[in-house]
Amino acid sequence: MKHILSKFGHIVKSKQYELFLGSCLILIAIISYNLGQINSLKKSPITVQEGANQKANIYDASTKNNTQSQAPNLKPQKLDTRVVVSKNSDKYHYSWCSGAKRIKLENQIWFNSAEEAESRGYTLAGNCTP
């Protein structure tokens, strides 16, 4: 038994740097995980003092029910209404569509709107939505 303990002690001494580093990494991982768990469970509202008696409750303002009742019909709008066609195609693409990104620079023809492209005989590509 004494012989086994001395071998174990010798192995620990020879690998002390690796053991210390590994222990530190394991402890850091455990602490980080637990801090993340604690943070995700914490749902206390954030309040901002705006004078003597006024408080803004940011947590309640960000809940789903509250935002739906304030603006239920808002849709994101695309700012760039230009369309691009390829010299080799009869389809037009909006600038955010994947097809527009695949057209070589030297083959691109740009129009200011979809209506302008349609007036020139181009149709909307099937994989591109306005």
C-alpha atoms as a PDB file:
ATOM      1  CA  MET A   1       0.000   0.000   0.000  1.00  0.00           C
ATOM      2  CA  LYS A   2       2.839   2.364   0.877  1.00  0.00           C
ATOM      3  CA  HIS A   3       4.515   1.584  -2.424  1.00  0.00           C
ATOM      4  CA  ILE A   4       1.338   2.466  -4.385  1.00  0.00           C
ATOM      5  CA  LEU A   5       1.011   5.790  -2.557  1.00  0.00           C
ATOM      6  CA  SER A   6       4.622   6.716  -3.288  1.00  0.00           C
ATOM      7  CA  LYS A   7       4.111   5.929  -7.001  1.00  0.00           C
ATOM      8  CA  PHE A   8       0.950   8.034  -7.004  1.00  0.00           C
ATOM      9  CA  GLY A   9       2.799  10.890  -5.289  1.00  0.00           C
ATOM     10  CA  HIS A  10       5.623  10.671  -7.831  1.00  0.00           C
ATOM     11  CA  ILE A  11       3.142  10.798 -10.744  1.00  0.00           C
ATOM     12  CA  VAL A  12       1.354  13.799  -9.206  1.00  0.00           C
ATOM     13  CA  LYS A  13       4.649  15.667  -8.737  1.00  0.00           C
ATOM     14  CA  SER A  14       5.785  14.977 -12.291  1.00  0.00           C
ATOM     15  CA  LYS A  15       2.455  16.114 -13.790  1.00  0.00           C
ATOM     16  CA  GLN A  16       1.615  18.913 -11.337  1.00  0.00           C
ATOM     17  CA  TYR A  17       1.487  21.666 -13.988  1.00  0.00           C
ATOM     18  CA  GLU A  18      -0.941  19.737 -16.242  1.00  0.00           C
ATOM     19  CA  LEU A  19      -3.086  18.722 -13.242  1.00  0.00           C
ATOM     20  CA  PHE A  20      -3.233  22.304 -11.964  1.00  0.00           C
ATOM     21  CA  LEU A  21      -4.122  23.676 -15.398  1.00  0.00           C
ATOM     22  CA  GLY A  22      -6.785  21.014 -15.957  1.00  0.00           C
ATOM     23  CA  SER A  23      -8.290  21.654 -12.519  1.00  0.00           C
ATOM     24  CA  CYS A  24      -8.433  25.389 -13.208  1.00  0.00           C
ATOM     25  CA  LEU A  25     -10.175  24.841 -16.549  1.00  0.00           C
ATOM     26  CA  ILE A  26     -12.739  22.512 -14.986  1.00  0.00           C
ATOM     27  CA  LEU A  27     -13.446  24.965 -12.168  1.00  0.00           C
ATOM     28  CA  ILE A  28     -13.817  27.875 -14.597  1.00  0.00           C
ATOM     29  CA  ALA A  29     -16.243  25.839 -16.707  1.00  0.00           C
ATOM     30  CA  ILE A  30     -18.344  24.899 -13.676  1.00  0.00           C
ATOM     31  CA  ILE A  31     -18.424  28.467 -12.375  1.00  0.00           C
ATOM     32  CA  SER A  32     -19.343  29.866 -15.813  1.00  0.00           C
ATOM     33  CA  TYR A  33     -22.129  27.353 -16.260  1.00  0.00           C
ATOM     34  CA  ASN A  34     -23.595  28.098 -12.831  1.00  0.00           C
ATOM     35  CA  LEU A  35     -23.395  31.862 -13.363  1.00  0.00           C
ATOM     36  CA  GLY A  36     -25.246  31.444 -16.649  1.00  0.00           C
ATOM     37  CA  GLN A  37     -27.946  29.388 -14.952  1.00  0.00           C
ATOM     38  CA  ILE A  38     -28.353  31.977 -12.203  1.00  0.00           C
ATOM     39  CA  ASN A  39     -28.508  34.799 -14.742  1.00  0.00           C
ATOM     40  CA  SER A  40     -31.177  33.046 -16.835  1.00  0.00           C
ATOM     41  CA  LEU A  41     -33.391  32.497 -13.790  1.00  0.00           C
ATOM     42  CA  LYS A  42     -33.135  36.098 -12.697  1.00  0.00           C
ATOM     43  CA  LYS A  43     -36.175  37.959 -14.032  1.00  0.00           C
ATOM     44  CA  SER A  44     -36.127  41.055 -11.942  1.00  0.00           C
ATOM     45  CA  PRO A  45     -37.268  44.142 -13.832  1.00  0.00           C
ATOM     46  CA  ILE A  46     -34.771  46.832 -14.712  1.00  0.00           C
ATOM     47  CA  THR A  47     -35.969  50.181 -13.466  1.00  0.00           C
ATOM     48  CA  VAL A  48     -34.716  53.559 -14.535  1.00  0.00           C
ATOM     49  CA  GLN A  49     -35.155  56.483 -12.176  1.00  0.00           C
ATOM     50  CA  GLU A  50     -36.454  59.494 -14.119  1.00  0.00           C
ATOM     51  CA  GLY A  51     -37.050  62.003 -11.413  1.00  0.00           C
ATOM     52  CA  ALA A  52     -38.410  61.744  -7.908  1.00  0.00           C
ATOM     53  CA  ASN A  53     -41.472  59.531  -8.462  1.00  0.00           C
ATOM     54  CA  GLN A  54     -41.231  58.169 -12.027  1.00  0.00           C
ATOM     55  CA  LYS A  55     -39.916  54.723 -12.934  1.00  0.00           C
ATOM     56  CA  ALA A  56     -39.803  52.990 -16.304  1.00  0.00           C
ATOM     57  CA  ASN A  57     -40.194  49.214 -16.086  1.00  0.00           C
ATOM     58  CA  ILE A  58     -38.151  47.888 -19.014  1.00  0.00           C
ATOM     59  CA  TYR A  59     -38.965  44.224 -18.283  1.00  0.00           C
ATOM     60  CA  ASP A  60     -42.718  44.761 -18.623  1.00  0.00           C
ATOM     61  CA  ALA A  61     -42.242  46.889 -21.735  1.00  0.00           C
ATOM     62  CA  SER A  62     -40.443  44.043 -23.497  1.00  0.00           C
ATOM     63  CA  THR A  63     -43.006  41.301 -22.884  1.00  0.00           C
ATOM     64  CA  LYS A  64     -44.765  39.766 -25.866  1.00  0.00           C
ATOM     65  CA  ASN A  65     -48.334  40.721 -24.932  1.00  0.00           C
ATOM     66  CA  ASN A  66     -47.441  44.342 -24.337  1.00  0.00           C
ATOM     67  CA  THR A  67     -45.686  44.826 -27.694  1.00  0.00           C
ATOM     68  CA  GLN A  68     -48.472  43.111 -29.627  1.00  0.00           C
ATOM     69  CA  SER A  69     -51.123  45.399 -28.185  1.00  0.00           C
ATOM     70  CA  GLN A  70     -49.127  48.513 -29.066  1.00  0.00           C
ATOM     71  CA  ALA A  71     -48.294  47.728 -32.714  1.00  0.00           C
ATOM     72  CA  PRO A  72     -49.858  44.521 -34.033  1.00  0.00           C
ATOM     73  CA  ASN A  73     -49.693  45.351 -37.760  1.00  0.00           C
ATOM     74  CA  LEU A  74     -46.114  46.550 -38.162  1.00  0.00           C
ATOM     75  CA  LYS A  75     -44.144  44.766 -40.880  1.00  0.00           C
ATOM     76  CA  PRO A  76     -40.439  45.232 -41.557  1.00  0.00           C
ATOM     77  CA  GLN A  77     -39.918  47.245 -44.693  1.00  0.00           C
ATOM     78  CA  LYS A  78     -37.145  46.762 -47.208  1.00  0.00           C
ATOM     79  CA  LEU A  79     -35.280  50.020 -47.740  1.00  0.00           C
ATOM     80  CA  ASP A  80     -33.573  49.172 -51.020  1.00  0.00           C
ATOM     81  CA  THR A  81     -36.247  48.813 -53.696  1.00  0.00           C
ATOM     82  CA  ARG A  82     -33.810  48.428 -56.576  1.00  0.00           C
ATOM     83  CA  VAL A  83     -33.836  45.246 -58.641  1.00  0.00           C
ATOM     84  CA  VAL A  84     -31.152  43.570 -60.692  1.00  0.00           C
ATOM     85  CA  VAL A  85     -31.300  41.375 -63.774  1.00  0.00           C
ATOM     86  CA  SER A  86     -28.690  39.389 -65.572  1.00  0.00           C
ATOM     87  CA  LYS A  87     -27.899  40.057 -69.215  1.00  0.00           C
ATOM     88  CA  ASN A  88     -28.480  36.329 -69.752  1.00  0.00           C
ATOM     89  CA  SER A  89     -31.901  36.071 -68.062  1.00  0.00           C
ATOM     90  CA  ASP A  90     -35.451  37.409 -68.217  1.00  0.00           C
ATOM     91  CA  LYS A  91     -35.923  37.349 -64.410  1.00  0.00           C
ATOM     92  CA  TYR A  92     -35.332  40.196 -61.976  1.00  0.00           C
ATOM     93  CA  HIS A  93     -34.199  39.897 -58.355  1.00  0.00           C
ATOM     94  CA  TYR A  94     -34.388  42.199 -55.364  1.00  0.00           C
ATOM     95  CA  SER A  95     -30.971  43.124 -53.967  1.00  0.00           C
ATOM     96  CA  TRP A  96     -31.498  40.978 -50.847  1.00  0.00           C
ATOM     97  CA  CYS A  97     -32.347  37.786 -52.781  1.00  0.00           C
ATOM     98  CA  SER A  98     -29.831  35.012 -53.162  1.00  0.00           C
ATOM     99  CA  GLY A  99     -30.171  35.064 -56.937  1.00  0.00           C
ATOM    100  CA  ALA A 100     -29.045  38.694 -57.072  1.00  0.00           C
ATOM    101  CA  LYS A 101     -25.862  37.820 -55.232  1.00  0.00           C
ATOM    102  CA  ARG A 102     -24.993  35.114 -57.769  1.00  0.00           C
ATOM    103  CA  ILE A 103     -25.094  37.405 -60.817  1.00  0.00           C
ATOM    104  CA  LYS A 104     -21.605  38.309 -62.000  1.00  0.00           C
ATOM    105  CA  LEU A 105     -20.786  41.992 -61.754  1.00  0.00           C
ATOM    106  CA  GLU A 106     -20.240  42.379 -65.494  1.00  0.00           C
ATOM    107  CA  ASN A 107     -23.679  40.827 -66.237  1.00  0.00           C
ATOM    108  CA  GLN A 108     -25.721  42.999 -63.845  1.00  0.00           C
ATOM    109  CA  ILE A 109     -28.346  45.476 -65.054  1.00  0.00           C
ATOM    110  CA  TRP A 110     -29.944  47.567 -62.297  1.00  0.00           C
ATOM    111  CA  PHE A 111     -33.402  49.137 -62.230  1.00  0.00           C
ATOM    112  CA  ASN A 112     -34.750  51.567 -59.624  1.00  0.00           C
ATOM    113  CA  SER A 113     -37.942  49.562 -59.060  1.00  0.00           C
ATOM    114  CA  ALA A 114     -39.687  46.304 -59.894  1.00  0.00           C
ATOM    115  CA  GLU A 115     -42.195  48.232 -62.002  1.00  0.00           C
ATOM    116  CA  GLU A 116     -39.406  49.600 -64.172  1.00  0.00           C
ATOM    117  CA  ALA A 117     -37.988  46.096 -64.710  1.00  0.00           C
ATOM    118  CA  GLU A 118     -41.455  44.717 -65.520  1.00  0.00           C
ATOM    119  CA  SER A 119     -42.062  47.520 -68.032  1.00  0.00           C
ATOM    120  CA  ARG A 120     -38.925  46.297 -69.840  1.00  0.00           C
ATOM    121  CA  GLY A 121     -40.275  42.722 -70.013  1.00  0.00           C
ATOM    122  CA  TYR A 122     -38.614  41.139 -66.975  1.00  0.00           C
ATOM    123  CA  THR A 123     -40.532  38.979 -64.449  1.00  0.00           C
ATOM    124  CA  LEU A 124     -39.827  38.322 -60.785  1.00  0.00           C
ATOM    125  CA  ALA A 125     -37.669  35.272 -60.049  1.00  0.00           C
ATOM    126  CA  GLY A 126     -39.586  32.470 -58.332  1.00  0.00           C
ATOM    127  CA  ASN A 127     -37.220  32.223 -55.348  1.00  0.00           C
ATOM    128  CA  CYS A 128     -37.320  35.958 -54.617  1.00  0.00           C
ATOM    129  CA  THR A 129     -40.082  37.606 -52.605  1.00  0.00           C
ATOM    130  CA  PRO A 130     -40.694  41.332 -52.155  1.00  0.00           C
END
